[in-house]
Amino acid sequence: MNSNAVFKAALKWGALLALVIAVVGGIIGYSIDGTRGLTSALIGTAMSLVFVGITAVSILFANRYAGREFFVAIFFGVVMGGWLLKFVLFLVLGFILKSQPWVNAPVLFICVIVGVVGSLVVDAVVAAKVRVPYVSHDVLTKPEENSGA
């Protein structure tokens, strides 16, 4: 399994987690504040899914430049750009949504937090269970050429 497969697996499991949070959060939100709570739970879940997805997608995109001369600069530029996008998006959505009469802010906030913390757990589990080789194929197949002898 290569590193792209790790991020694809994390996206898949993150989407499943978001579905669970949407259902559970929607039920709890609806029981607390009717359709306003349900709407807030669904928006919070969608926000957490988008924030988590931006990270994985930015890494998958940056990995397309692996092996190129400026890969490290491109990689960190894309990943940090994704982080900056998430930060600005979070602030803008937070300011816009907190003053809306159709949003229950605590329900929305809790769904975002549960989604982000849950995605961190998913990422940790996926990373712990994958088997990604850390030695290139050339080193494994031609040890006499790589030994310097």
N, C-alpha and C. Protein backbone atom coordinates (compact mmCIF):
# COMPACT_ATOMS: atom_id res chain seq x y z
N MET A 1 0.85 -1.18 0.00
CA MET A 1 0.00 0.00 0.00
C MET A 1 0.89 1.23 0.00
N ASN A 2 0.64 2.17 -0.89
CA ASN A 2 1.43 3.39 -0.91
C ASN A 2 0.73 4.48 -0.10
N SER A 3 1.39 5.62 0.01
CA SER A 3 0.83 6.68 0.85
C SER A 3 -0.49 7.22 0.30
N ASN A 4 -0.67 7.23 -1.01
CA ASN A 4 -1.95 7.68 -1.56
C ASN A 4 -3.09 6.78 -1.12
N ALA A 5 -2.84 5.50 -1.04
CA ALA A 5 -3.88 4.57 -0.58
C ALA A 5 -4.24 4.84 0.87
N VAL A 6 -3.28 5.29 1.67
CA VAL A 6 -3.55 5.62 3.06
C VAL A 6 -4.54 6.79 3.12
N PHE A 7 -4.30 7.83 2.34
CA PHE A 7 -5.18 8.98 2.38
C PHE A 7 -6.54 8.69 1.77
N LYS A 8 -6.58 7.83 0.76
CA LYS A 8 -7.87 7.43 0.21
C LYS A 8 -8.68 6.64 1.23
N ALA A 9 -7.99 5.76 1.97
CA ALA A 9 -8.67 5.00 3.03
C ALA A 9 -9.16 5.94 4.13
N ALA A 10 -8.33 6.92 4.48
CA ALA A 10 -8.73 7.89 5.50
C ALA A 10 -9.95 8.69 5.04
N LEU A 11 -9.99 9.07 3.76
CA LEU A 11 -11.16 9.78 3.23
C LEU A 11 -12.41 8.90 3.28
N LYS A 12 -12.25 7.64 2.91
CA LYS A 12 -13.40 6.72 2.92
C LYS A 12 -13.95 6.55 4.33
N TRP A 13 -13.06 6.27 5.29
CA TRP A 13 -13.51 6.07 6.67
C TRP A 13 -13.99 7.38 7.29
N GLY A 14 -13.40 8.49 6.89
CA GLY A 14 -13.85 9.79 7.36
C GLY A 14 -15.26 10.11 6.87
N ALA A 15 -15.56 9.73 5.64
CA ALA A 15 -16.90 9.93 5.09
C ALA A 15 -17.92 9.07 5.83
N LEU A 16 -17.53 7.84 6.16
CA LEU A 16 -18.42 6.96 6.92
C LEU A 16 -18.66 7.54 8.32
N LEU A 17 -17.61 8.06 8.94
CA LEU A 17 -17.75 8.71 10.25
C LEU A 17 -18.69 9.90 10.15
N ALA A 18 -18.55 10.69 9.09
CA ALA A 18 -19.42 11.86 8.91
C ALA A 18 -20.87 11.43 8.76
N LEU A 19 -21.11 10.33 8.09
CA LEU A 19 -22.47 9.82 7.96
C LEU A 19 -23.05 9.46 9.33
N VAL A 20 -22.25 8.80 10.14
CA VAL A 20 -22.70 8.43 11.49
C VAL A 20 -22.97 9.69 12.33
N ILE A 21 -22.06 10.66 12.26
CA ILE A 21 -22.25 11.90 13.01
C ILE A 21 -23.49 12.64 12.52
N ALA A 22 -23.72 12.63 11.22
CA ALA A 22 -24.90 13.30 10.67
C ALA A 22 -26.18 12.66 11.20
N VAL A 23 -26.22 11.34 11.24
CA VAL A 23 -27.42 10.64 11.71
C VAL A 23 -27.61 10.87 13.22
N VAL A 24 -26.57 10.57 13.99
CA VAL A 24 -26.68 10.71 15.45
C VAL A 24 -26.86 12.18 15.84
N GLY A 25 -26.03 13.06 15.29
CA GLY A 25 -26.15 14.48 15.58
C GLY A 25 -27.47 15.05 15.12
N GLY A 26 -27.96 14.58 13.98
CA GLY A 26 -29.25 15.04 13.48
C GLY A 26 -30.40 14.64 14.40
N ILE A 27 -30.35 13.41 14.89
CA ILE A 27 -31.39 12.94 15.82
C ILE A 27 -31.34 13.74 17.13
N ILE A 28 -30.13 13.89 17.67
CA ILE A 28 -29.99 14.64 18.92
C ILE A 28 -30.35 16.11 18.69
N GLY A 29 -29.87 16.70 17.61
CA GLY A 29 -30.19 18.09 17.31
C GLY A 29 -31.68 18.32 17.13
N TYR A 30 -32.32 17.38 16.44
CA TYR A 30 -33.77 17.50 16.25
C TYR A 30 -34.51 17.38 17.57
N SER A 31 -34.05 16.48 18.44
CA SER A 31 -34.72 16.32 19.74
C SER A 31 -34.50 17.53 20.65
N ILE A 32 -33.39 18.25 20.45
CA ILE A 32 -33.10 19.43 21.26
C ILE A 32 -33.84 20.67 20.74
N ASP A 33 -33.81 20.87 19.41
CA ASP A 33 -34.29 22.15 18.87
C ASP A 33 -35.04 21.99 17.54
N GLY A 34 -35.63 20.86 17.30
CA GLY A 34 -36.43 20.67 16.09
C GLY A 34 -35.60 20.76 14.82
N THR A 35 -36.19 21.32 13.78
CA THR A 35 -35.50 21.40 12.50
C THR A 35 -34.28 22.31 12.57
N ARG A 36 -34.31 23.28 13.45
CA ARG A 36 -33.14 24.16 13.64
C ARG A 36 -31.95 23.35 14.14
N GLY A 37 -32.18 22.46 15.09
CA GLY A 37 -31.10 21.60 15.60
C GLY A 37 -30.63 20.60 14.55
N LEU A 38 -31.58 20.04 13.80
CA LEU A 38 -31.22 19.10 12.74
C LEU A 38 -30.37 19.78 11.68
N THR A 39 -30.79 20.96 11.25
CA THR A 39 -30.04 21.72 10.25
C THR A 39 -28.64 22.05 10.75
N SER A 40 -28.54 22.46 11.99
CA SER A 40 -27.25 22.81 12.57
C SER A 40 -26.33 21.59 12.64
N ALA A 41 -26.87 20.45 13.01
CA ALA A 41 -26.06 19.22 13.07
C ALA A 41 -25.55 18.84 11.68
N LEU A 42 -26.40 18.95 10.68
CA LEU A 42 -25.98 18.59 9.32
C LEU A 42 -24.94 19.57 8.78
N ILE A 43 -25.12 20.86 9.07
CA ILE A 43 -24.12 21.84 8.63
C ILE A 43 -22.79 21.61 9.34
N GLY A 44 -22.83 21.36 10.64
CA GLY A 44 -21.60 21.08 11.40
C GLY A 44 -20.88 19.85 10.89
N THR A 45 -21.64 18.82 10.58
CA THR A 45 -21.04 17.60 10.03
C THR A 45 -20.42 17.86 8.67
N ALA A 46 -21.13 18.59 7.83
CA ALA A 46 -20.59 18.92 6.50
C ALA A 46 -19.32 19.76 6.62
N MET A 47 -19.31 20.70 7.55
CA MET A 47 -18.11 21.52 7.75
C MET A 47 -16.92 20.65 8.15
N SER A 48 -17.12 19.74 9.10
CA SER A 48 -16.00 18.90 9.54
C SER A 48 -15.53 18.00 8.41
N LEU A 49 -16.45 17.48 7.61
CA LEU A 49 -16.06 16.63 6.48
C LEU A 49 -15.26 17.42 5.45
N VAL A 50 -15.67 18.65 5.18
CA VAL A 50 -14.94 19.49 4.23
C VAL A 50 -13.55 19.81 4.76
N PHE A 51 -13.45 20.17 6.04
CA PHE A 51 -12.15 20.51 6.62
C PHE A 51 -11.20 19.32 6.58
N VAL A 52 -11.69 18.15 6.92
CA VAL A 52 -10.85 16.95 6.89
C VAL A 52 -10.50 16.58 5.45
N GLY A 53 -11.47 16.72 4.57
CA GLY A 53 -11.23 16.39 3.17
C GLY A 53 -10.21 17.29 2.51
N ILE A 54 -10.17 18.55 2.90
CA ILE A 54 -9.20 19.47 2.31
C ILE A 54 -7.78 19.00 2.58
N THR A 55 -7.52 18.53 3.78
CA THR A 55 -6.17 18.05 4.11
C THR A 55 -5.79 16.84 3.26
N ALA A 56 -6.65 15.84 3.25
CA ALA A 56 -6.33 14.62 2.49
C ALA A 56 -6.22 14.89 1.00
N VAL A 57 -7.12 15.69 0.47
CA VAL A 57 -7.09 15.98 -0.96
C VAL A 57 -5.85 16.81 -1.32
N SER A 58 -5.48 17.74 -0.45
CA SER A 58 -4.28 18.54 -0.74
C SER A 58 -3.03 17.66 -0.75
N ILE A 59 -2.96 16.70 0.15
CA ILE A 59 -1.80 15.79 0.17
C ILE A 59 -1.82 14.88 -1.05
N LEU A 60 -2.98 14.36 -1.41
CA LEU A 60 -3.08 13.53 -2.62
C LEU A 60 -2.67 14.33 -3.86
N PHE A 61 -3.10 15.58 -3.92
CA PHE A 61 -2.73 16.43 -5.05
C PHE A 61 -1.23 16.70 -5.06
N ALA A 62 -0.66 17.03 -3.91
CA ALA A 62 0.76 17.34 -3.83
C ALA A 62 1.62 16.12 -4.15
N ASN A 63 1.15 14.93 -3.81
CA ASN A 63 1.91 13.71 -4.09
C ASN A 63 2.05 13.44 -5.59
N ARG A 64 1.25 14.10 -6.39
CA ARG A 64 1.37 13.93 -7.84
C ARG A 64 2.71 14.46 -8.35
N TYR A 65 3.35 15.30 -7.56
CA TYR A 65 4.63 15.90 -7.95
C TYR A 65 5.82 15.20 -7.31
N ALA A 66 5.59 14.01 -6.74
CA ALA A 66 6.68 13.25 -6.12
C ALA A 66 7.75 12.93 -7.15
N GLY A 67 8.99 13.06 -6.74
CA GLY A 67 10.11 12.77 -7.61
C GLY A 67 10.57 13.94 -8.45
N ARG A 68 9.85 15.02 -8.42
CA ARG A 68 10.26 16.21 -9.17
C ARG A 68 11.24 17.03 -8.34
N GLU A 69 11.92 17.90 -8.99
CA GLU A 69 13.00 18.66 -8.35
C GLU A 69 12.50 19.48 -7.16
N PHE A 70 11.38 20.11 -7.28
CA PHE A 70 10.87 20.99 -6.22
C PHE A 70 9.71 20.34 -5.46
N PHE A 71 9.73 19.01 -5.33
CA PHE A 71 8.62 18.30 -4.69
C PHE A 71 8.38 18.79 -3.27
N VAL A 72 9.41 18.93 -2.48
CA VAL A 72 9.23 19.32 -1.07
C VAL A 72 8.59 20.70 -0.98
N ALA A 73 9.05 21.63 -1.79
CA ALA A 73 8.48 22.98 -1.77
C ALA A 73 7.02 22.95 -2.24
N ILE A 74 6.75 22.20 -3.30
CA ILE A 74 5.38 22.09 -3.80
C ILE A 74 4.49 21.43 -2.75
N PHE A 75 4.99 20.35 -2.15
CA PHE A 75 4.21 19.62 -1.16
C PHE A 75 3.82 20.53 0.00
N PHE A 76 4.81 21.18 0.60
CA PHE A 76 4.51 22.02 1.75
C PHE A 76 3.70 23.25 1.36
N GLY A 77 3.91 23.79 0.17
CA GLY A 77 3.10 24.91 -0.30
C GLY A 77 1.64 24.53 -0.44
N VAL A 78 1.38 23.37 -1.04
CA VAL A 78 0.00 22.92 -1.23
C VAL A 78 -0.65 22.59 0.12
N VAL A 79 0.06 21.88 0.98
CA VAL A 79 -0.51 21.49 2.27
C VAL A 79 -0.75 22.72 3.15
N MET A 80 0.20 23.62 3.20
CA MET A 80 0.02 24.83 4.00
C MET A 80 -1.07 25.72 3.39
N GLY A 81 -1.16 25.76 2.07
CA GLY A 81 -2.25 26.50 1.44
C GLY A 81 -3.60 25.91 1.81
N GLY A 82 -3.68 24.59 1.85
CA GLY A 82 -4.91 23.93 2.28
C GLY A 82 -5.24 24.25 3.73
N TRP A 83 -4.22 24.28 4.59
CA TRP A 83 -4.44 24.63 5.99
C TRP A 83 -4.94 26.07 6.11
N LEU A 84 -4.33 26.96 5.37
CA LEU A 84 -4.75 28.37 5.40
C LEU A 84 -6.19 28.51 4.89
N LEU A 85 -6.53 27.79 3.84
CA LEU A 85 -7.89 27.80 3.32
C LEU A 85 -8.88 27.32 4.38
N LYS A 86 -8.54 26.23 5.08
CA LYS A 86 -9.42 25.73 6.14
C LYS A 86 -9.59 26.76 7.25
N PHE A 87 -8.51 27.40 7.64
CA PHE A 87 -8.56 28.39 8.72
C PHE A 87 -9.47 29.56 8.34
N VAL A 88 -9.27 30.10 7.16
CA VAL A 88 -10.08 31.23 6.70
C VAL A 88 -11.54 30.81 6.54
N LEU A 89 -11.76 29.64 5.96
CA LEU A 89 -13.12 29.13 5.77
C LEU A 89 -13.83 28.94 7.10
N PHE A 90 -13.11 28.41 8.08
CA PHE A 90 -13.70 28.20 9.41
C PHE A 90 -14.10 29.54 10.03
N LEU A 91 -13.22 30.53 9.95
CA LEU A 91 -13.53 31.84 10.52
C LEU A 91 -14.73 32.48 9.82
N VAL A 92 -14.72 32.46 8.50
CA VAL A 92 -15.81 33.08 7.74
C VAL A 92 -17.14 32.38 8.05
N LEU A 93 -17.15 31.05 7.99
CA LEU A 93 -18.39 30.32 8.27
C LEU A 93 -18.83 30.53 9.71
N GLY A 94 -17.87 30.55 10.64
CA GLY A 94 -18.21 30.77 12.04
C GLY A 94 -18.89 32.11 12.26
N PHE A 95 -18.33 33.16 11.69
CA PHE A 95 -18.92 34.49 11.85
C PHE A 95 -20.28 34.60 11.15
N ILE A 96 -20.40 33.99 9.99
CA ILE A 96 -21.67 34.07 9.25
C ILE A 96 -22.76 33.26 9.95
N LEU A 97 -22.42 32.03 10.35
CA LEU A 97 -23.45 31.13 10.87
C LEU A 97 -23.87 31.44 12.31
N LYS A 98 -22.97 32.00 13.12
CA LYS A 98 -23.33 32.20 14.53
C LYS A 98 -24.46 33.20 14.72
N SER A 99 -24.64 34.10 13.78
CA SER A 99 -25.68 35.11 13.91
C SER A 99 -26.97 34.76 13.16
N GLN A 100 -27.03 33.58 12.58
CA GLN A 100 -28.22 33.20 11.83
C GLN A 100 -29.30 32.67 12.77
N PRO A 101 -30.53 33.11 12.59
CA PRO A 101 -31.60 32.66 13.50
C PRO A 101 -31.97 31.19 13.31
N TRP A 102 -31.62 30.61 12.19
CA TRP A 102 -31.98 29.22 11.91
C TRP A 102 -30.88 28.24 12.31
N VAL A 103 -29.86 28.73 13.04
CA VAL A 103 -28.74 27.88 13.47
C VAL A 103 -28.70 27.81 14.99
N ASN A 104 -28.58 26.59 15.50
CA ASN A 104 -28.34 26.38 16.92
C ASN A 104 -26.83 26.23 17.06
N ALA A 105 -26.16 27.28 17.51
CA ALA A 105 -24.69 27.32 17.53
C ALA A 105 -24.05 26.19 18.35
N PRO A 106 -24.57 25.85 19.54
CA PRO A 106 -23.93 24.75 20.28
C PRO A 106 -24.01 23.41 19.55
N VAL A 107 -25.13 23.11 18.92
CA VAL A 107 -25.26 21.85 18.17
C VAL A 107 -24.28 21.83 17.00
N LEU A 108 -24.21 22.94 16.27
CA LEU A 108 -23.28 23.03 15.15
C LEU A 108 -21.84 22.86 15.62
N PHE A 109 -21.47 23.57 16.67
CA PHE A 109 -20.11 23.51 17.20
C PHE A 109 -19.74 22.10 17.67
N ILE A 110 -20.66 21.45 18.39
CA ILE A 110 -20.37 20.10 18.89
C ILE A 110 -20.19 19.13 17.73
N CYS A 111 -21.01 19.24 16.69
CA CYS A 111 -20.86 18.35 15.53
C CYS A 111 -19.54 18.59 14.81
N VAL A 112 -19.11 19.84 14.70
CA VAL A 112 -17.81 20.13 14.09
C VAL A 112 -16.69 19.52 14.93
N ILE A 113 -16.73 19.72 16.23
CA ILE A 113 -15.68 19.20 17.12
C ILE A 113 -15.65 17.67 17.10
N VAL A 114 -16.81 17.04 17.19
CA VAL A 114 -16.86 15.57 17.15
C VAL A 114 -16.33 15.06 15.81
N GLY A 115 -16.67 15.75 14.73
CA GLY A 115 -16.19 15.35 13.41
C GLY A 115 -14.68 15.48 13.28
N VAL A 116 -14.13 16.57 13.77
CA VAL A 116 -12.68 16.78 13.66
C VAL A 116 -11.92 15.81 14.56
N VAL A 117 -12.36 15.66 15.81
CA VAL A 117 -11.69 14.72 16.72
C VAL A 117 -11.85 13.29 16.21
N GLY A 118 -13.04 12.96 15.73
CA GLY A 118 -13.26 11.62 15.17
C GLY A 118 -12.40 11.36 13.96
N SER A 119 -12.20 12.36 13.13
CA SER A 119 -11.35 12.17 11.96
C SER A 119 -9.89 11.98 12.36
N LEU A 120 -9.47 12.64 13.43
CA LEU A 120 -8.11 12.42 13.93
C LEU A 120 -7.94 10.97 14.40
N VAL A 121 -8.96 10.44 15.05
CA VAL A 121 -8.92 9.04 15.48
C VAL A 121 -8.88 8.12 14.25
N VAL A 122 -9.71 8.42 13.26
CA VAL A 122 -9.71 7.61 12.02
C VAL A 122 -8.34 7.66 11.36
N ASP A 123 -7.76 8.84 11.26
CA ASP A 123 -6.43 8.98 10.65
C ASP A 123 -5.39 8.17 11.41
N ALA A 124 -5.44 8.22 12.73
CA ALA A 124 -4.48 7.47 13.55
C ALA A 124 -4.65 5.97 13.36
N VAL A 125 -5.88 5.50 13.33
CA VAL A 125 -6.13 4.06 13.15
C VAL A 125 -5.69 3.61 11.76
N VAL A 126 -6.03 4.38 10.74
CA VAL A 126 -5.63 4.03 9.37
C VAL A 126 -4.11 4.01 9.26
N ALA A 127 -3.45 5.01 9.80
CA ALA A 127 -1.99 5.07 9.73
C ALA A 127 -1.34 3.93 10.50
N ALA A 128 -1.94 3.53 11.59
CA ALA A 128 -1.36 2.45 12.39
C ALA A 128 -1.54 1.08 11.74
N LYS A 129 -2.57 0.91 10.94
CA LYS A 129 -2.88 -0.40 10.37
C LYS A 129 -2.32 -0.63 8.97
N VAL A 130 -1.85 0.41 8.30
CA VAL A 130 -1.38 0.22 6.93
C VAL A 130 0.04 -0.31 6.90
N ARG A 131 0.37 -0.89 5.79
CA ARG A 131 1.72 -1.39 5.57
C ARG A 131 2.30 -0.64 4.38
N VAL A 132 3.05 0.42 4.67
CA VAL A 132 3.68 1.20 3.63
C VAL A 132 5.18 0.94 3.70
N PRO A 133 5.77 0.44 2.61
CA PRO A 133 7.21 0.18 2.64
C PRO A 133 8.00 1.48 2.76
N TYR A 134 9.05 1.44 3.53
CA TYR A 134 9.88 2.63 3.67
C TYR A 134 11.24 2.44 3.00
N VAL A 135 11.38 1.36 2.26
CA VAL A 135 12.57 1.09 1.45
C VAL A 135 12.11 0.96 0.01
N SER A 136 12.84 1.58 -0.90
CA SER A 136 12.42 1.53 -2.29
C SER A 136 12.58 0.14 -2.86
N HIS A 137 11.90 -0.11 -3.94
CA HIS A 137 11.95 -1.41 -4.61
C HIS A 137 13.36 -1.70 -5.12
N ASP A 138 14.09 -0.69 -5.58
CA ASP A 138 15.44 -0.88 -6.09
C ASP A 138 16.38 -1.41 -5.01
N VAL A 139 16.25 -0.91 -3.81
CA VAL A 139 17.11 -1.37 -2.72
C VAL A 139 16.82 -2.82 -2.38
N LEU A 140 15.57 -3.21 -2.49
CA LEU A 140 15.19 -4.58 -2.17
C LEU A 140 15.65 -5.56 -3.24
N THR A 141 15.67 -5.16 -4.49
CA THR A 141 15.98 -6.09 -5.58
C THR A 141 17.44 -6.07 -6.01
N LYS A 142 18.18 -4.99 -5.75
CA LYS A 142 19.56 -4.89 -6.20
C LYS A 142 20.47 -4.42 -5.06
N PRO A 143 20.61 -5.20 -4.02
CA PRO A 143 21.41 -4.73 -2.88
C PRO A 143 22.88 -4.56 -3.21
N GLU A 144 23.42 -5.33 -4.16
CA GLU A 144 24.84 -5.23 -4.48
C GLU A 144 25.19 -3.90 -5.15
N GLU A 145 24.25 -3.33 -5.90
CA GLU A 145 24.51 -2.05 -6.57
C GLU A 145 24.39 -0.88 -5.59
N ASN A 146 23.62 -1.04 -4.54
CA ASN A 146 23.38 0.06 -3.61
C ASN A 146 24.28 0.02 -2.38
N SER A 147 25.11 -0.98 -2.26
CA SER A 147 25.95 -1.10 -1.07
C SER A 147 27.21 -0.26 -1.15
N GLY A 148 27.55 0.24 -2.34
CA GLY A 148 28.74 1.07 -2.51
C GLY A 148 30.01 0.24 -2.66
N ALA A 149 29.91 -1.08 -2.73
CA ALA A 149 31.09 -1.93 -2.87
C ALA A 149 31.50 -2.10 -4.30
